[in-house]
Every structure is written in structure tokens, then in C-alpha cells.
């Protein structure tokens, strides 16, 4: 019996937030405020417990977001025992997140807002965890991680040290147009860019000044040739955040090590992510100087 209770509690998030899809959090044992309404002028511990309770009971809030439900309905929906659901609903009632009627339980007005925000937080946190190798390498301020819930991540690995670069070149080869921000000049990028532009691909690139200097000193002939075709528009900007690509059907972000090797590539086809990438590119291009 004790084992079943612990299993049910874990499913509802007692002691962790497994059902929420996030790393676990400890409740800390703070006492409830014990009053009607919630949190206006409440002690910090009460606010903290309220927030943790919303996370721990996210599966119940999610189940009630659709319609009124009785205990037996919730038991089936969240796959927990009746006693566990009773404990959860009692706690949520104490926090004024749900209310009981003859028909069953419903979210309160507050509960609806908290349920929505809890789900939004869950989605953003899951995306952030997935993007961790990229976010920990670049300045992540302003990146709307919630747009990247379905992103594909390609990482450099010991047995595949060029995996990210190879994926970037593959995407360039597949595209008719490419817009990019970059602080890196790689022989691999130069070769694939030259080949594709000579074959008709249009590339519009914003580089920082150091990258431009390397290009003009080491790859001057190829740069002049591609610019003369009309397929290569070149800009210089002093404050680029990271490497950004806008391809035909997706956008990508890459982070490099100090040698210029791509450590990680994030690519995403979500319309919101593409729109954000296009806006970020357009902002930097408008600020840049065309060469």
C-alpha cells in the first residue's frame, strides 16, 4: 500500500515534478497562509509554496482545463489512486485554484490563469533544457526559447567533430537563398558558399570586421567573383550575437569554439522561430554597412 501511494504521489508531483516534465524541486516545508484568496501581501514562503504547488499538481490543473471532472474522472485521467487525487484536490482548493460543485471540480478564475501559465512555463523550461548546449555557449538574452520546443540539435562529438559544420553545409546546399550573421570564416563555409553561389544560390551575409578582413586577405578572388555574379551581398557589423542562418524552410543558430569550429547547431521549422530569426537578421542588416 505504501509503495502504491508513493507511486501515485510521484505521478501527481508530490516531492518532485516528474509529471510536469521538468527536473525535481523540493517543497521546503513552508506553511500555508491559511486564508481565502491568494498571495496579496502574503509571506514569501506562502508565495513560494503556492508556486510549487501549481507545479506539483500540474497534471490535475491540466485535466481540469478541459471540463468539470469528478474524483473518479481525475483518477483515470492522471492514473493515480483515489486517495492521492483527494489529497491533491484538497490542497488545490486550499490555494483557491479549484472549486467543488455537485457536478465535480472546476478551475477557479485564478486556477485558469495559473494552469495556463504553468503550461507555458513547462513548455519554455523543456525547450530551454533542450537548448542547453547552445544557451550556455552564447549570450542567451532575448532568445525566445519557447519557439524552439521542436528544434533539432546537432552537436559536435568526439567521434563526429564536424557534425555541426556538415549539417550547416547540407542546409546551405538545399537552399535557394541564405541570409546569415557570422563572425566565422571557415574554409568549409567558403568552399560550399562559393560553389553554391556560382550555381545560382543567393547569399546575403553580415560579418563582423575581423571576419571580413580574413575573407579579403585569404579568399579575395572567390569573394570578388561571387560578388560580381550578383549572388553575394556582403555587409559588416560590429556587434553580432551569434551565428544565425535563415534558410528557405527553417532557421538555424550556431555556436563556435575559439578555433571557429561549430560546437552546436540549433535548427527549427516553427513559423514563430523563423519569424524571430528573420527579424533578428533584418535588424542587424539595417545597422550594418554594405560593402
C-alpha atoms as a PDB file:
ATOM      1  CA  UNK A   1       0.000   0.000   0.000  1.00  0.00           C
ATOM      2  CA  UNK A   2       2.777   2.423   0.916  1.00  0.00           C
ATOM      3  CA  UNK A   3       4.539   1.710  -2.359  1.00  0.00           C
ATOM      4  CA  UNK A   4       1.357   2.408  -4.357  1.00  0.00           C
ATOM      5  CA  UNK A   5       0.838   5.681  -2.506  1.00  0.00           C
ATOM      6  CA  UNK A   6       4.364   6.815  -3.242  1.00  0.00           C
ATOM      7  CA  UNK A   7       3.968   5.889  -6.913  1.00  0.00           C
ATOM      8  CA  UNK A   8       0.712   7.866  -7.122  1.00  0.00           C
ATOM      9  CA  UNK A   9       2.271  10.845  -5.366  1.00  0.00           C
ATOM     10  CA  UNK A  10       5.132  10.871  -7.860  1.00  0.00           C
ATOM     11  CA  UNK A  11       2.656  10.802 -10.745  1.00  0.00           C
ATOM     12  CA  UNK A  12       0.982  13.906  -9.316  1.00  0.00           C
ATOM     13  CA  UNK A  13       4.273  15.554  -8.475  1.00  0.00           C
ATOM     14  CA  UNK A  14       4.409  15.102  -4.670  1.00  0.00           C
ATOM     15  CA  UNK A  15       8.035  15.706  -3.824  1.00  0.00           C
ATOM     16  CA  UNK A  16       9.052  16.249  -7.434  1.00  0.00           C
ATOM     17  CA  UNK A  17       7.677  17.488 -10.756  1.00  0.00           C
ATOM     18  CA  UNK A  18       8.090  14.384 -12.851  1.00  0.00           C
ATOM     19  CA  UNK A  19       4.595  14.684 -14.316  1.00  0.00           C
ATOM     20  CA  UNK A  20       5.472  18.245 -15.285  1.00  0.00           C
ATOM     21  CA  UNK A  21       8.372  17.092 -17.438  1.00  0.00           C
ATOM     22  CA  UNK A  22      10.988  19.089 -15.511  1.00  0.00           C
ATOM     23  CA  UNK A  23      13.804  18.461 -13.059  1.00  0.00           C
ATOM     24  CA  UNK A  24      12.646  17.901  -9.474  1.00  0.00           C
ATOM     25  CA  UNK A  25      12.139  20.652  -6.906  1.00  0.00           C
ATOM     26  CA  UNK A  26      11.930  20.402  -3.127  1.00  0.00           C
ATOM     27  CA  UNK A  27       8.937  21.907  -1.345  1.00  0.00           C
ATOM     28  CA  UNK A  28      10.984  23.216   1.582  1.00  0.00           C
ATOM     29  CA  UNK A  29       8.241  22.618   4.155  1.00  0.00           C
ATOM     30  CA  UNK A  30       6.886  26.153   4.390  1.00  0.00           C
ATOM     31  CA  UNK A  31       3.444  26.587   5.981  1.00  0.00           C
ATOM     32  CA  UNK A  32       0.344  27.625   4.090  1.00  0.00           C
ATOM     33  CA  UNK A  33      -1.099  31.056   4.611  1.00  0.00           C
ATOM     34  CA  UNK A  34      -4.494  29.524   5.523  1.00  0.00           C
ATOM     35  CA  UNK A  35      -6.711  32.260   4.117  1.00  0.00           C
ATOM     36  CA  UNK A  36      -9.224  32.849   1.356  1.00  0.00           C
ATOM     37  CA  UNK A  37      -7.860  34.366  -1.833  1.00  0.00           C
ATOM     38  CA  UNK A  38      -4.190  34.068  -2.609  1.00  0.00           C
ATOM     39  CA  UNK A  39      -0.911  35.809  -2.125  1.00  0.00           C
ATOM     40  CA  UNK A  40      -1.694  39.515  -1.880  1.00  0.00           C
ATOM     41  CA  UNK A  41       0.771  40.687   0.794  1.00  0.00           C
ATOM     42  CA  UNK A  42       1.467  37.007   1.567  1.00  0.00           C
ATOM     43  CA  UNK A  43       4.765  35.980   3.172  1.00  0.00           C
ATOM     44  CA  UNK A  44       7.477  34.872   0.784  1.00  0.00           C
ATOM     45  CA  UNK A  45       7.208  31.271   1.994  1.00  0.00           C
ATOM     46  CA  UNK A  46       3.496  31.206   1.164  1.00  0.00           C
ATOM     47  CA  UNK A  47       4.116  32.547  -2.310  1.00  0.00           C
ATOM     48  CA  UNK A  48       6.861  30.000  -2.832  1.00  0.00           C
ATOM     49  CA  UNK A  49       4.611  27.150  -1.691  1.00  0.00           C
ATOM     50  CA  UNK A  50       1.778  28.371  -3.904  1.00  0.00           C
ATOM     51  CA  UNK A  51       4.070  28.339  -6.952  1.00  0.00           C
ATOM     52  CA  UNK A  52       5.491  24.918  -6.103  1.00  0.00           C
ATOM     53  CA  UNK A  53       2.018  23.514  -5.565  1.00  0.00           C
ATOM     54  CA  UNK A  54       0.940  24.668  -9.019  1.00  0.00           C
ATOM     55  CA  UNK A  55       3.969  22.877 -10.475  1.00  0.00           C
ATOM     56  CA  UNK A  56       3.499  19.718  -8.405  1.00  0.00           C
ATOM     57  CA  UNK A  57      -0.220  19.486  -9.249  1.00  0.00           C
ATOM     58  CA  UNK A  58       0.141  20.472 -12.898  1.00  0.00           C
ATOM     59  CA  UNK A  59      -1.443  17.215 -14.083  1.00  0.00           C
ATOM     60  CA  UNK A  60      -4.628  17.940 -12.104  1.00  0.00           C
ATOM     61  CA  UNK A  61      -4.790  21.516 -13.359  1.00  0.00           C
ATOM     62  CA  UNK A  62      -4.235  20.262 -16.899  1.00  0.00           C
ATOM     63  CA  UNK A  63      -7.038  17.701 -16.548  1.00  0.00           C
ATOM     64  CA  UNK A  64      -9.468  20.327 -15.271  1.00  0.00           C
ATOM     65  CA  UNK A  65      -8.592  22.809 -18.003  1.00  0.00           C
ATOM     66  CA  UNK A  66     -10.824  20.867 -20.369  1.00  0.00           C
ATOM     67  CA  UNK A  67     -14.002  20.415 -18.332  1.00  0.00           C
ATOM     68  CA  UNK A  68     -15.577  19.691 -14.958  1.00  0.00           C
ATOM     69  CA  UNK A  69     -14.335  16.414 -13.504  1.00  0.00           C
ATOM     70  CA  UNK A  70     -15.167  14.209 -10.538  1.00  0.00           C
ATOM     71  CA  UNK A  71     -12.569  12.402  -8.476  1.00  0.00           C
ATOM     72  CA  UNK A  72     -13.078   9.181 -10.426  1.00  0.00           C
ATOM     73  CA  UNK A  73     -12.527  11.076 -13.683  1.00  0.00           C
ATOM     74  CA  UNK A  74      -9.323  12.614 -12.360  1.00  0.00           C
ATOM     75  CA  UNK A  75      -8.179   9.238 -11.069  1.00  0.00           C
ATOM     76  CA  UNK A  76      -8.377   7.853 -14.604  1.00  0.00           C
ATOM     77  CA  UNK A  77      -7.012  10.982 -16.252  1.00  0.00           C
ATOM     78  CA  UNK A  78      -3.848  11.250 -14.166  1.00  0.00           C
ATOM     79  CA  UNK A  79      -3.549   7.497 -13.437  1.00  0.00           C
ATOM     80  CA  UNK A  80      -3.451   7.810  -9.647  1.00  0.00           C
ATOM     81  CA  UNK A  81      -5.306   6.350  -6.692  1.00  0.00           C
ATOM     82  CA  UNK A  82      -8.474   7.938  -5.357  1.00  0.00           C
ATOM     83  CA  UNK A  83      -6.764   8.874  -2.090  1.00  0.00           C
ATOM     84  CA  UNK A  84      -3.932  10.630  -3.919  1.00  0.00           C
ATOM     85  CA  UNK A  85      -6.365  12.633  -6.041  1.00  0.00           C
ATOM     86  CA  UNK A  86      -8.306  13.558  -2.873  1.00  0.00           C
ATOM     87  CA  UNK A  87      -5.136  14.936  -1.285  1.00  0.00           C
ATOM     88  CA  UNK A  88      -4.300  16.880  -4.440  1.00  0.00           C
ATOM     89  CA  UNK A  89      -7.761  18.405  -4.834  1.00  0.00           C
ATOM     90  CA  UNK A  90      -7.869  19.323  -1.142  1.00  0.00           C
ATOM     91  CA  UNK A  91      -4.585  21.191  -1.452  1.00  0.00           C
ATOM     92  CA  UNK A  92      -5.625  22.947  -4.658  1.00  0.00           C
ATOM     93  CA  UNK A  93      -8.896  24.028  -3.033  1.00  0.00           C
ATOM     94  CA  UNK A  94      -6.951  25.483  -0.120  1.00  0.00           C
ATOM     95  CA  UNK A  95      -4.994  27.560  -2.630  1.00  0.00           C
ATOM     96  CA  UNK A  96      -8.234  28.665  -4.347  1.00  0.00           C
ATOM     97  CA  UNK A  97      -7.135  27.117  -7.631  1.00  0.00           C
ATOM     98  CA  UNK A  98     -10.118  24.759  -7.946  1.00  0.00           C
ATOM     99  CA  UNK A  99     -13.641  24.679  -6.557  1.00  0.00           C
ATOM    100  CA  UNK A 100     -16.126  21.871  -5.995  1.00  0.00           C
ATOM    101  CA  UNK A 101     -19.767  21.741  -7.017  1.00  0.00           C
ATOM    102  CA  UNK A 102     -22.389  18.986  -7.307  1.00  0.00           C
ATOM    103  CA  UNK A 103     -21.014  18.219 -10.763  1.00  0.00           C
ATOM    104  CA  UNK A 104     -17.400  17.856  -9.650  1.00  0.00           C
ATOM    105  CA  UNK A 105     -14.299  20.048  -9.655  1.00  0.00           C
ATOM    106  CA  UNK A 106     -13.614  23.081 -11.830  1.00  0.00           C
ATOM    107  CA  UNK A 107     -10.776  25.556 -12.127  1.00  0.00           C
ATOM    108  CA  UNK A 108     -11.450  28.888 -10.496  1.00  0.00           C
ATOM    109  CA  UNK A 109     -10.724  32.061 -12.424  1.00  0.00           C
ATOM    110  CA  UNK A 110      -7.360  32.159 -10.695  1.00  0.00           C
ATOM    111  CA  UNK A 111      -6.872  28.479 -11.442  1.00  0.00           C
ATOM    112  CA  UNK A 112      -7.405  29.025 -15.162  1.00  0.00           C
ATOM    113  CA  UNK A 113      -4.724  31.697 -15.259  1.00  0.00           C
ATOM    114  CA  UNK A 114      -2.307  29.633 -13.180  1.00  0.00           C
ATOM    115  CA  UNK A 115      -2.964  26.494 -15.268  1.00  0.00           C
ATOM    116  CA  UNK A 116      -2.217  28.391 -18.478  1.00  0.00           C
ATOM    117  CA  UNK A 117       0.918  29.975 -17.057  1.00  0.00           C
ATOM    118  CA  UNK A 118       2.100  26.673 -15.616  1.00  0.00           C
ATOM    119  CA  UNK A 119       1.799  25.009 -19.012  1.00  0.00           C
ATOM    120  CA  UNK A 120       3.588  27.932 -20.665  1.00  0.00           C
ATOM    121  CA  UNK A 121       6.385  27.715 -18.119  1.00  0.00           C
ATOM    122  CA  UNK A 122       6.655  23.956 -18.660  1.00  0.00           C
ATOM    123  CA  UNK A 123       6.958  24.375 -22.422  1.00  0.00           C
ATOM    124  CA  UNK A 124       9.570  27.119 -22.076  1.00  0.00           C
ATOM    125  CA  UNK A 125      11.577  25.203 -19.488  1.00  0.00           C
ATOM    126  CA  UNK A 126      11.576  21.993 -21.549  1.00  0.00           C
ATOM    127  CA  UNK A 127      12.763  23.940 -24.590  1.00  0.00           C
ATOM    128  CA  UNK A 128      15.484  25.647 -22.540  1.00  0.00           C
ATOM    129  CA  UNK A 129      16.750  22.306 -21.269  1.00  0.00           C
ATOM    130  CA  UNK A 130      16.897  21.002 -24.850  1.00  0.00           C
ATOM    131  CA  UNK A 131      18.801  24.134 -25.946  1.00  0.00           C
ATOM    132  CA  UNK A 132      21.233  23.960 -23.017  1.00  0.00           C
ATOM    133  CA  UNK A 133      24.406  23.323 -25.095  1.00  0.00           C
ATOM    134  CA  UNK A 134      23.642  26.410 -27.186  1.00  0.00           C
ATOM    135  CA  UNK A 135      22.350  28.686 -24.411  1.00  0.00           C
ATOM    136  CA  UNK A 136      25.402  28.010 -22.254  1.00  0.00           C
ATOM    137  CA  UNK A 137      27.752  28.987 -25.087  1.00  0.00           C
ATOM    138  CA  UNK A 138      26.288  32.298 -26.286  1.00  0.00           C
ATOM    139  CA  UNK A 139      24.669  35.372 -24.782  1.00  0.00           C
ATOM    140  CA  UNK A 140      21.139  33.997 -24.492  1.00  0.00           C
ATOM    141  CA  UNK A 141      19.408  37.285 -23.620  1.00  0.00           C
ATOM    142  CA  UNK A 142      16.425  37.857 -25.881  1.00  0.00           C
ATOM    143  CA  UNK A 143      16.218  34.350 -27.349  1.00  0.00           C
ATOM    144  CA  UNK A 144      12.550  33.272 -27.189  1.00  0.00           C
ATOM    145  CA  UNK A 145      13.264  29.674 -26.206  1.00  0.00           C
ATOM    146  CA  UNK A 146       9.564  28.808 -26.191  1.00  0.00           C
ATOM    147  CA  UNK A 147       9.644  28.966 -30.010  1.00  0.00           C
ATOM    148  CA  UNK A 148      12.179  26.130 -30.110  1.00  0.00           C
ATOM    149  CA  UNK A 149      10.242  23.319 -28.445  1.00  0.00           C
ATOM    150  CA  UNK A 150      10.620  21.163 -31.578  1.00  0.00           C
ATOM    151  CA  UNK A 151      14.109  22.263 -32.553  1.00  0.00           C
ATOM    152  CA  UNK A 152      16.673  19.831 -33.898  1.00  0.00           C
ATOM    153  CA  UNK A 153      20.035  19.973 -32.117  1.00  0.00           C
ATOM    154  CA  UNK A 154      23.266  18.851 -33.797  1.00  0.00           C
ATOM    155  CA  UNK A 155      26.290  18.715 -31.510  1.00  0.00           C
ATOM    156  CA  UNK A 156      29.957  18.212 -32.128  1.00  0.00           C
ATOM    157  CA  UNK A 157      31.079  14.903 -30.589  1.00  0.00           C
ATOM    158  CA  UNK A 158      34.470  13.213 -30.178  1.00  0.00           C
ATOM    159  CA  UNK A 159      33.752  10.711 -32.944  1.00  0.00           C
ATOM    160  CA  UNK A 160      31.909  13.295 -35.058  1.00  0.00           C
ATOM    161  CA  UNK A 161      33.900  16.508 -34.594  1.00  0.00           C
ATOM    162  CA  UNK A 162      32.446  18.153 -37.710  1.00  0.00           C
ATOM    163  CA  UNK A 163      28.812  17.064 -37.301  1.00  0.00           C
ATOM    164  CA  UNK A 164      27.502  20.626 -36.853  1.00  0.00           C
ATOM    165  CA  UNK A 165      29.520  22.019 -39.764  1.00  0.00           C
ATOM    166  CA  UNK A 166      28.385  19.223 -42.041  1.00  0.00           C
ATOM    167  CA  UNK A 167      24.757  19.885 -41.146  1.00  0.00           C
ATOM    168  CA  UNK A 168      25.168  23.617 -41.851  1.00  0.00           C
ATOM    169  CA  UNK A 169      26.711  22.927 -45.263  1.00  0.00           C
ATOM    170  CA  UNK A 170      23.929  20.474 -46.041  1.00  0.00           C
ATOM    171  CA  UNK A 171      21.312  23.122 -45.299  1.00  0.00           C
ATOM    172  CA  UNK A 172      23.144  25.687 -47.440  1.00  0.00           C
ATOM    173  CA  UNK A 173      23.238  23.211 -50.332  1.00  0.00           C
ATOM    174  CA  UNK A 174      19.490  22.615 -50.014  1.00  0.00           C
ATOM    175  CA  UNK A 175      18.538  26.299 -50.072  1.00  0.00           C
ATOM    176  CA  UNK A 176      17.957  28.731 -52.921  1.00  0.00           C
ATOM    177  CA  UNK A 177      18.528  31.722 -50.649  1.00  0.00           C
ATOM    178  CA  UNK A 178      20.504  32.071 -47.416  1.00  0.00           C
ATOM    179  CA  UNK A 179      20.686  35.038 -45.062  1.00  0.00           C
ATOM    180  CA  UNK A 180      23.226  34.887 -42.288  1.00  0.00           C
ATOM    181  CA  UNK A 181      25.018  36.617 -39.445  1.00  0.00           C
ATOM    182  CA  UNK A 182      28.505  35.300 -38.770  1.00  0.00           C
ATOM    183  CA  UNK A 183      31.764  36.022 -37.019  1.00  0.00           C
ATOM    184  CA  UNK A 184      33.457  32.964 -38.526  1.00  0.00           C
ATOM    185  CA  UNK A 185      35.259  32.415 -41.822  1.00  0.00           C
ATOM    186  CA  UNK A 186      35.828  28.701 -42.331  1.00  0.00           C
ATOM    187  CA  UNK A 187      37.424  27.114 -45.415  1.00  0.00           C
ATOM    188  CA  UNK A 188      34.489  24.675 -45.432  1.00  0.00           C
ATOM    189  CA  UNK A 189      31.953  27.506 -45.450  1.00  0.00           C
ATOM    190  CA  UNK A 190      33.908  29.366 -48.113  1.00  0.00           C
ATOM    191  CA  UNK A 191      34.059  26.342 -50.405  1.00  0.00           C
ATOM    192  CA  UNK A 192      30.391  25.402 -50.108  1.00  0.00           C
ATOM    193  CA  UNK A 193      29.294  29.050 -50.339  1.00  0.00           C
ATOM    194  CA  UNK A 194      31.407  29.655 -53.445  1.00  0.00           C
ATOM    195  CA  UNK A 195      30.175  26.500 -55.136  1.00  0.00           C
ATOM    196  CA  UNK A 196      26.508  27.170 -54.376  1.00  0.00           C
ATOM    197  CA  UNK A 197      26.625  30.852 -55.324  1.00  0.00           C
ATOM    198  CA  UNK A 198      28.287  30.026 -58.643  1.00  0.00           C
ATOM    199  CA  UNK A 199      25.385  27.609 -59.168  1.00  0.00           C
ATOM    200  CA  UNK A 200      22.790  30.323 -58.516  1.00  0.00           C
ATOM    201  CA  UNK A 201      22.185  30.291 -54.766  1.00  0.00           C
ATOM    202  CA  UNK A 202      21.769  33.799 -53.388  1.00  0.00           C
ATOM    203  CA  UNK A 203      23.562  34.521 -50.114  1.00  0.00           C
ATOM    204  CA  UNK A 204      23.237  37.695 -48.084  1.00  0.00           C
ATOM    205  CA  UNK A 205      25.732  37.784 -45.241  1.00  0.00           C
ATOM    206  CA  UNK A 206      26.522  40.124 -42.374  1.00  0.00           C
ATOM    207  CA  UNK A 207      30.019  39.524 -40.916  1.00  0.00           C
ATOM    208  CA  UNK A 208      31.966  41.274 -38.235  1.00  0.00           C
ATOM    209  CA  UNK A 209      35.006  43.293 -39.337  1.00  0.00           C
ATOM    210  CA  UNK A 210      37.575  40.664 -38.389  1.00  0.00           C
ATOM    211  CA  UNK A 211      35.806  38.031 -40.491  1.00  0.00           C
ATOM    212  CA  UNK A 212      35.677  40.455 -43.432  1.00  0.00           C
ATOM    213  CA  UNK A 213      39.407  41.101 -43.144  1.00  0.00           C
ATOM    214  CA  UNK A 214      40.148  37.374 -43.178  1.00  0.00           C
ATOM    215  CA  UNK A 215      37.901  36.880 -46.194  1.00  0.00           C
ATOM    216  CA  UNK A 216      39.518  39.676 -48.183  1.00  0.00           C
ATOM    217  CA  UNK A 217      43.059  38.597 -47.306  1.00  0.00           C
ATOM    218  CA  UNK A 218      42.712  34.825 -47.702  1.00  0.00           C
ATOM    219  CA  UNK A 219      39.780  34.392 -50.101  1.00  0.00           C
ATOM    220  CA  UNK A 220      39.792  37.664 -52.044  1.00  0.00           C
ATOM    221  CA  UNK A 221      39.470  36.116 -55.505  1.00  0.00           C
ATOM    222  CA  UNK A 222      36.490  33.951 -54.601  1.00  0.00           C
ATOM    223  CA  UNK A 223      34.850  36.871 -52.796  1.00  0.00           C
ATOM    224  CA  UNK A 224      35.232  39.191 -55.804  1.00  0.00           C
ATOM    225  CA  UNK A 225      33.997  36.504 -58.194  1.00  0.00           C
ATOM    226  CA  UNK A 226      30.856  35.716 -56.228  1.00  0.00           C
ATOM    227  CA  UNK A 227      30.047  39.383 -55.616  1.00  0.00           C
ATOM    228  CA  UNK A 228      30.377  40.047 -59.370  1.00  0.00           C
ATOM    229  CA  UNK A 229      27.717  37.407 -60.106  1.00  0.00           C
ATOM    230  CA  UNK A 230      25.139  39.334 -58.069  1.00  0.00           C
ATOM    231  CA  UNK A 231      24.562  36.273 -55.866  1.00  0.00           C
ATOM    232  CA  UNK A 232      26.532  37.585 -52.879  1.00  0.00           C
ATOM    233  CA  UNK A 233      25.599  40.672 -50.862  1.00  0.00           C
ATOM    234  CA  UNK A 234      28.075  41.455 -48.126  1.00  0.00           C
ATOM    235  CA  UNK A 235      27.678  43.623 -45.011  1.00  0.00           C
ATOM    236  CA  UNK A 236      29.825  44.422 -41.993  1.00  0.00           C
ATOM    237  CA  UNK A 237      28.565  44.848 -38.421  1.00  0.00           C
ATOM    238  CA  UNK A 238      30.467  45.210 -35.156  1.00  0.00           C
ATOM    239  CA  UNK A 239      28.043  43.580 -32.713  1.00  0.00           C
ATOM    240  CA  UNK A 240      26.783  40.191 -33.881  1.00  0.00           C
ATOM    241  CA  UNK A 241      25.259  37.962 -31.160  1.00  0.00           C
ATOM    242  CA  UNK A 242      25.989  34.518 -32.635  1.00  0.00           C
ATOM    243  CA  UNK A 243      25.876  32.756 -35.982  1.00  0.00           C
ATOM    244  CA  UNK A 244      22.385  32.912 -37.451  1.00  0.00           C
ATOM    245  CA  UNK A 245      21.041  31.365 -40.645  1.00  0.00           C
ATOM    246  CA  UNK A 246      17.724  31.915 -42.381  1.00  0.00           C
ATOM    247  CA  UNK A 247      17.226  29.155 -44.950  1.00  0.00           C
ATOM    248  CA  UNK A 248      14.323  28.533 -47.319  1.00  0.00           C
ATOM    249  CA  UNK A 249      12.276  26.455 -44.890  1.00  0.00           C
ATOM    250  CA  UNK A 250      13.881  26.932 -41.475  1.00  0.00           C
ATOM    251  CA  UNK A 251      16.224  28.997 -39.385  1.00  0.00           C
ATOM    252  CA  UNK A 252      19.364  27.993 -37.561  1.00  0.00           C
ATOM    253  CA  UNK A 253      21.653  29.243 -34.786  1.00  0.00           C
ATOM    254  CA  UNK A 254      25.202  28.044 -34.246  1.00  0.00           C
ATOM    255  CA  UNK A 255      27.828  28.483 -31.545  1.00  0.00           C
ATOM    256  CA  UNK A 256      31.556  28.046 -32.227  1.00  0.00           C
ATOM    257  CA  UNK A 257      34.612  27.377 -30.113  1.00  0.00           C
ATOM    258  CA  UNK A 258      37.639  29.683 -30.079  1.00  0.00           C
ATOM    259  CA  UNK A 259      39.055  27.976 -33.191  1.00  0.00           C
ATOM    260  CA  UNK A 260      35.918  28.627 -35.239  1.00  0.00           C
ATOM    261  CA  UNK A 261      34.645  25.040 -35.176  1.00  0.00           C
ATOM    262  CA  UNK A 262      30.872  24.790 -34.810  1.00  0.00           C
ATOM    263  CA  UNK A 263      30.101  23.203 -31.442  1.00  0.00           C
ATOM    264  CA  UNK A 264      26.328  23.106 -31.770  1.00  0.00           C
ATOM    265  CA  UNK A 265      23.653  23.906 -34.337  1.00  0.00           C
ATOM    266  CA  UNK A 266      20.026  24.594 -33.448  1.00  0.00           C
ATOM    267  CA  UNK A 267      17.616  24.437 -36.375  1.00  0.00           C
ATOM    268  CA  UNK A 268      13.875  24.974 -36.286  1.00  0.00           C
ATOM    269  CA  UNK A 269      10.999  24.972 -38.767  1.00  0.00           C
ATOM    270  CA  UNK A 270       8.420  26.547 -36.436  1.00  0.00           C
ATOM    271  CA  UNK A 271       6.922  29.688 -38.038  1.00  0.00           C
ATOM    272  CA  UNK A 272       7.423  31.714 -34.844  1.00  0.00           C
ATOM    273  CA  UNK A 273      11.110  30.774 -34.705  1.00  0.00           C
ATOM    274  CA  UNK A 274      11.618  31.598 -38.390  1.00  0.00           C
ATOM    275  CA  UNK A 275       9.885  34.962 -37.985  1.00  0.00           C
ATOM    276  CA  UNK A 276      12.055  35.795 -34.986  1.00  0.00           C
ATOM    277  CA  UNK A 277      15.191  34.800 -36.908  1.00  0.00           C
ATOM    278  CA  UNK A 278      14.167  36.930 -39.872  1.00  0.00           C
ATOM    279  CA  UNK A 279      13.542  39.925 -37.623  1.00  0.00           C
ATOM    280  CA  UNK A 280      16.881  39.476 -35.855  1.00  0.00           C
ATOM    281  CA  UNK A 281      18.688  39.256 -39.168  1.00  0.00           C
ATOM    282  CA  UNK A 282      16.863  42.294 -40.597  1.00  0.00           C
ATOM    283  CA  UNK A 283      17.709  44.386 -37.531  1.00  0.00           C
ATOM    284  CA  UNK A 284      21.433  43.697 -37.843  1.00  0.00           C
ATOM    285  CA  UNK A 285      21.468  44.144 -41.608  1.00  0.00           C
ATOM    286  CA  UNK A 286      19.813  47.563 -41.272  1.00  0.00           C
ATOM    287  CA  UNK A 287      22.520  48.563 -38.797  1.00  0.00           C
ATOM    288  CA  UNK A 288      25.320  47.149 -40.967  1.00  0.00           C
ATOM    289  CA  UNK A 289      27.423  48.788 -43.667  1.00  0.00           C
ATOM    290  CA  UNK A 290      27.205  47.258 -47.125  1.00  0.00           C
ATOM    291  CA  UNK A 291      30.500  46.514 -48.868  1.00  0.00           C
END
